[in-house]
Amino acid sequence: RCGESVGSLFIEYSEKSIRLTRCHKCNKVADKYIEYELVLVLIDVLLLRLPAYRHLMFNRYDHHVTEVN
């Protein structure tokens, strides 16, 4: 929630069991939106909630680095 970078957003113990990672700086869940449906995330984005926007920009999709020559 504070925007601090973490190594991973969750730890997967089994196919149906995960644990969300806590931020070492503020001790809150790093990205609670991992468990949310996309529609709920988009509603929070429309309500201008920064953590929801951050989730969409950095954590929702895999980023592929491409080189421009």
N, C-alpha and C. Protein backbone atom coordinates (compact mmCIF):
# COMPACT_ATOMS: atom_id res chain seq x y z
N ARG A 1 0.80 -1.21 0.00
CA ARG A 1 0.00 0.00 0.00
C ARG A 1 0.84 1.26 0.00
N CYS A 2 2.02 1.17 0.57
CA CYS A 2 2.87 2.36 0.64
C CYS A 2 3.66 2.57 -0.66
N GLY A 3 3.67 1.57 -1.55
CA GLY A 3 4.37 1.68 -2.81
C GLY A 3 5.77 1.10 -2.80
N GLU A 4 6.19 0.56 -1.67
CA GLU A 4 7.50 -0.06 -1.56
C GLU A 4 7.54 -1.35 -2.39
N SER A 5 8.64 -1.61 -3.04
CA SER A 5 8.79 -2.80 -3.87
C SER A 5 8.98 -4.04 -3.00
N VAL A 6 8.34 -5.15 -3.40
CA VAL A 6 8.51 -6.43 -2.71
C VAL A 6 8.93 -7.48 -3.74
N GLY A 7 9.57 -8.54 -3.27
CA GLY A 7 10.07 -9.58 -4.17
C GLY A 7 8.97 -10.34 -4.88
N SER A 8 7.91 -10.68 -4.18
CA SER A 8 6.77 -11.37 -4.78
C SER A 8 5.51 -10.91 -4.07
N LEU A 9 4.37 -11.06 -4.73
CA LEU A 9 3.11 -10.60 -4.16
C LEU A 9 2.43 -11.65 -3.30
N PHE A 10 2.79 -12.91 -3.52
CA PHE A 10 2.20 -13.98 -2.73
C PHE A 10 3.11 -15.19 -2.74
N ILE A 11 2.86 -16.10 -1.79
CA ILE A 11 3.56 -17.38 -1.72
C ILE A 11 2.52 -18.45 -1.93
N GLU A 12 2.76 -19.34 -2.89
CA GLU A 12 1.81 -20.41 -3.19
C GLU A 12 2.25 -21.68 -2.48
N TYR A 13 1.41 -22.16 -1.56
CA TYR A 13 1.71 -23.36 -0.81
C TYR A 13 1.17 -24.61 -1.50
N SER A 14 0.03 -24.48 -2.16
CA SER A 14 -0.55 -25.56 -2.95
C SER A 14 -1.42 -24.91 -4.02
N GLU A 15 -2.08 -25.72 -4.81
CA GLU A 15 -2.90 -25.18 -5.90
C GLU A 15 -4.00 -24.26 -5.40
N LYS A 16 -4.52 -24.51 -4.22
CA LYS A 16 -5.63 -23.74 -3.69
C LYS A 16 -5.26 -22.90 -2.47
N SER A 17 -4.00 -22.84 -2.14
CA SER A 17 -3.60 -22.14 -0.92
C SER A 17 -2.44 -21.18 -1.20
N ILE A 18 -2.71 -19.89 -0.99
CA ILE A 18 -1.66 -18.87 -1.14
C ILE A 18 -1.66 -17.99 0.11
N ARG A 19 -0.57 -17.29 0.30
CA ARG A 19 -0.48 -16.31 1.39
C ARG A 19 0.06 -15.01 0.78
N LEU A 20 -0.66 -13.92 1.01
CA LEU A 20 -0.25 -12.63 0.47
C LEU A 20 0.96 -12.11 1.22
N THR A 21 1.87 -11.49 0.48
CA THR A 21 3.10 -10.95 1.06
C THR A 21 2.82 -9.62 1.74
N ARG A 22 3.45 -9.43 2.89
CA ARG A 22 3.35 -8.17 3.62
C ARG A 22 4.57 -7.30 3.30
N CYS A 23 4.33 -6.02 3.23
CA CYS A 23 5.40 -5.05 3.00
C CYS A 23 6.30 -4.98 4.23
N HIS A 24 7.60 -4.98 4.02
CA HIS A 24 8.52 -4.90 5.16
C HIS A 24 8.60 -3.49 5.75
N LYS A 25 8.13 -2.50 5.00
CA LYS A 25 8.18 -1.11 5.46
C LYS A 25 6.95 -0.74 6.30
N CYS A 26 5.74 -1.05 5.81
CA CYS A 26 4.52 -0.64 6.52
C CYS A 26 3.78 -1.81 7.17
N ASN A 27 4.22 -3.03 6.89
CA ASN A 27 3.65 -4.26 7.46
C ASN A 27 2.19 -4.50 7.05
N LYS A 28 1.78 -3.96 5.91
CA LYS A 28 0.45 -4.22 5.36
C LYS A 28 0.59 -5.12 4.14
N VAL A 29 -0.52 -5.72 3.71
CA VAL A 29 -0.50 -6.57 2.53
C VAL A 29 -0.03 -5.74 1.34
N ALA A 30 0.93 -6.29 0.59
CA ALA A 30 1.54 -5.55 -0.52
C ALA A 30 0.54 -5.21 -1.62
N ASP A 31 -0.31 -6.15 -2.02
CA ASP A 31 -1.31 -5.91 -3.07
C ASP A 31 -2.54 -6.75 -2.81
N LYS A 32 -3.52 -6.18 -2.13
CA LYS A 32 -4.73 -6.92 -1.81
C LYS A 32 -5.56 -7.24 -3.05
N TYR A 33 -5.33 -6.52 -4.14
CA TYR A 33 -6.12 -6.71 -5.35
C TYR A 33 -5.78 -8.00 -6.10
N ILE A 34 -4.76 -8.72 -5.68
CA ILE A 34 -4.42 -10.00 -6.29
C ILE A 34 -5.61 -10.94 -6.23
N GLU A 35 -6.37 -10.89 -5.15
CA GLU A 35 -7.51 -11.78 -4.95
C GLU A 35 -8.82 -11.24 -5.49
N TYR A 36 -8.85 -10.02 -6.00
CA TYR A 36 -10.07 -9.39 -6.47
C TYR A 36 -10.36 -9.72 -7.92
N GLU A 37 -11.63 -9.77 -8.27
CA GLU A 37 -12.04 -9.89 -9.67
C GLU A 37 -11.74 -8.56 -10.37
N LEU A 38 -11.49 -8.63 -11.66
CA LEU A 38 -11.12 -7.44 -12.43
C LEU A 38 -12.18 -6.35 -12.34
N VAL A 39 -13.45 -6.70 -12.35
CA VAL A 39 -14.53 -5.71 -12.28
C VAL A 39 -14.43 -4.90 -11.00
N LEU A 40 -14.13 -5.55 -9.88
CA LEU A 40 -14.01 -4.83 -8.61
C LEU A 40 -12.80 -3.91 -8.60
N VAL A 41 -11.72 -4.35 -9.24
CA VAL A 41 -10.53 -3.50 -9.34
C VAL A 41 -10.86 -2.27 -10.18
N LEU A 42 -11.57 -2.46 -11.29
CA LEU A 42 -11.92 -1.33 -12.15
C LEU A 42 -12.84 -0.34 -11.44
N ILE A 43 -13.74 -0.83 -10.62
CA ILE A 43 -14.60 0.08 -9.83
C ILE A 43 -13.73 0.93 -8.90
N ASP A 44 -12.77 0.30 -8.24
CA ASP A 44 -11.88 1.06 -7.36
C ASP A 44 -11.02 2.06 -8.14
N VAL A 45 -10.64 1.72 -9.37
CA VAL A 45 -9.90 2.66 -10.21
C VAL A 45 -10.78 3.86 -10.52
N LEU A 46 -12.05 3.61 -10.84
CA LEU A 46 -12.99 4.71 -11.11
C LEU A 46 -13.21 5.59 -9.88
N LEU A 47 -13.06 4.99 -8.71
CA LEU A 47 -13.18 5.75 -7.46
C LEU A 47 -11.85 6.40 -7.06
N LEU A 48 -10.88 6.35 -7.98
CA LEU A 48 -9.58 6.99 -7.83
C LEU A 48 -8.77 6.45 -6.65
N ARG A 49 -8.84 5.16 -6.42
CA ARG A 49 -8.05 4.54 -5.36
C ARG A 49 -6.69 4.15 -5.93
N LEU A 50 -5.65 4.79 -5.44
CA LEU A 50 -4.29 4.61 -5.94
C LEU A 50 -3.82 3.15 -5.92
N PRO A 51 -4.06 2.37 -4.86
CA PRO A 51 -3.59 0.97 -4.88
C PRO A 51 -4.21 0.15 -6.02
N ALA A 52 -5.46 0.43 -6.38
CA ALA A 52 -6.09 -0.28 -7.49
C ALA A 52 -5.42 0.08 -8.82
N TYR A 53 -5.15 1.36 -9.01
CA TYR A 53 -4.46 1.82 -10.23
C TYR A 53 -3.06 1.21 -10.29
N ARG A 54 -2.35 1.21 -9.18
CA ARG A 54 -1.01 0.63 -9.11
C ARG A 54 -1.04 -0.86 -9.45
N HIS A 55 -2.08 -1.55 -8.97
CA HIS A 55 -2.23 -2.97 -9.27
C HIS A 55 -2.36 -3.20 -10.77
N LEU A 56 -3.19 -2.41 -11.43
CA LEU A 56 -3.37 -2.58 -12.87
C LEU A 56 -2.10 -2.26 -13.65
N MET A 57 -1.38 -1.24 -13.23
CA MET A 57 -0.20 -0.81 -13.97
C MET A 57 1.00 -1.73 -13.76
N PHE A 58 1.18 -2.26 -12.58
CA PHE A 58 2.41 -2.99 -12.28
C PHE A 58 2.23 -4.47 -11.99
N ASN A 59 1.09 -4.90 -11.48
CA ASN A 59 0.96 -6.27 -11.01
C ASN A 59 -0.02 -7.14 -11.78
N ARG A 60 -0.87 -6.57 -12.57
CA ARG A 60 -1.92 -7.35 -13.23
C ARG A 60 -1.40 -8.15 -14.41
N TYR A 61 -0.58 -7.55 -15.22
CA TYR A 61 -0.12 -8.18 -16.45
C TYR A 61 1.39 -8.35 -16.43
N ASP A 62 1.87 -9.33 -17.17
CA ASP A 62 3.31 -9.50 -17.33
C ASP A 62 3.84 -8.41 -18.24
N HIS A 63 4.90 -7.79 -17.82
CA HIS A 63 5.53 -6.75 -18.64
C HIS A 63 6.67 -7.40 -19.43
N HIS A 64 6.68 -7.13 -20.71
CA HIS A 64 7.74 -7.64 -21.56
C HIS A 64 8.61 -6.47 -21.99
N VAL A 65 9.88 -6.57 -21.70
CA VAL A 65 10.80 -5.51 -22.08
C VAL A 65 11.20 -5.74 -23.53
N THR A 66 11.02 -4.73 -24.33
CA THR A 66 11.41 -4.82 -25.74
C THR A 66 12.46 -3.77 -26.02
N GLU A 67 13.34 -4.09 -26.92
CA GLU A 67 14.40 -3.17 -27.29
C GLU A 67 14.01 -2.46 -28.57
N VAL A 68 14.20 -1.17 -28.59
CA VAL A 68 13.94 -0.39 -29.79
C VAL A 68 15.29 -0.02 -30.39
N ASN A 69 15.51 -0.43 -31.61
CA ASN A 69 16.77 -0.12 -32.29
C ASN A 69 16.63 1.08 -33.18
